[in-house]
Amino acid sequence: MVRRRVREAYRLNKHLLTQPGTPVAYIAFLYTAKQIISFEEIEKGMKLALVKCAVKRS
């Protein structure tokens, strides 16, 4: 259930990371929370992580 939420959050927001002309990046996401959090919270964190990765790559 958590894996599905993380995958869906990445699928919906991967455009934030991929830009034409930039090199390929291999990333992994680890879910370390003790309890299961909502999809909205996972998506919020995913967006933040992808934007930070995109900024560092450019």
Protein backbone atom coordinates (compact mmCIF):
# COMPACT_ATOMS: atom_id res chain seq x y z
CA MET A 1 0.00 0.00 0.00
CA VAL A 2 2.77 2.47 0.85
CA ARG A 3 4.82 1.39 -2.15
CA ARG A 4 1.83 2.04 -4.42
CA ARG A 5 1.37 5.54 -2.98
CA VAL A 6 5.05 6.41 -3.42
CA ARG A 7 5.08 5.11 -7.00
CA GLU A 8 1.96 7.07 -7.89
CA ALA A 9 3.34 10.26 -6.32
CA TYR A 10 6.52 9.83 -8.39
CA ARG A 11 4.59 9.04 -11.57
CA LEU A 12 2.47 12.18 -11.23
CA ASN A 13 5.45 14.46 -10.50
CA LYS A 14 8.43 13.03 -12.41
CA HIS A 15 8.13 15.88 -14.90
CA LEU A 16 9.67 18.12 -12.21
CA LEU A 17 12.91 16.14 -12.47
CA THR A 18 13.20 15.38 -16.18
CA GLN A 19 14.13 18.22 -18.48
CA PRO A 20 15.36 17.96 -22.08
CA GLY A 21 19.13 18.04 -22.34
CA THR A 22 19.90 17.09 -18.74
CA PRO A 23 21.74 13.88 -17.89
CA VAL A 24 19.91 10.87 -16.55
CA ALA A 25 19.71 10.58 -12.76
CA TYR A 26 19.16 7.39 -10.80
CA ILE A 27 17.37 7.97 -7.50
CA ALA A 28 15.77 5.83 -4.84
CA PHE A 29 13.15 6.73 -2.27
CA LEU A 30 13.05 5.09 1.14
CA TYR A 31 9.94 5.22 3.29
CA THR A 32 11.10 5.35 6.90
CA ALA A 33 8.02 6.58 8.76
CA LYS A 34 6.69 4.39 11.58
CA GLN A 35 3.06 4.87 10.56
CA ILE A 36 1.37 4.96 7.17
CA ILE A 37 0.78 8.56 6.09
CA SER A 38 -1.73 9.88 3.57
CA PHE A 39 -1.10 10.12 -0.15
CA GLU A 40 -1.26 13.91 0.04
CA GLU A 41 1.63 14.01 2.52
CA ILE A 42 3.67 11.56 0.45
CA GLU A 43 3.05 13.61 -2.70
CA LYS A 44 4.03 16.85 -0.94
CA GLY A 45 7.34 15.31 0.15
CA MET A 46 7.91 13.80 -3.30
CA LYS A 47 7.44 17.18 -4.99
CA LEU A 48 9.89 18.79 -2.59
CA ALA A 49 12.49 16.07 -3.16
CA LEU A 50 12.17 16.19 -6.96
CA VAL A 51 12.46 19.97 -7.08
CA LYS A 52 15.58 19.85 -4.90
CA CYS A 53 17.14 17.16 -7.11
CA ALA A 54 16.34 19.16 -10.26
CA VAL A 55 17.95 22.30 -8.85
CA LYS A 56 21.15 20.46 -7.89
CA ARG A 57 21.42 18.85 -11.33
CA SER A 58 21.12 22.07 -13.31
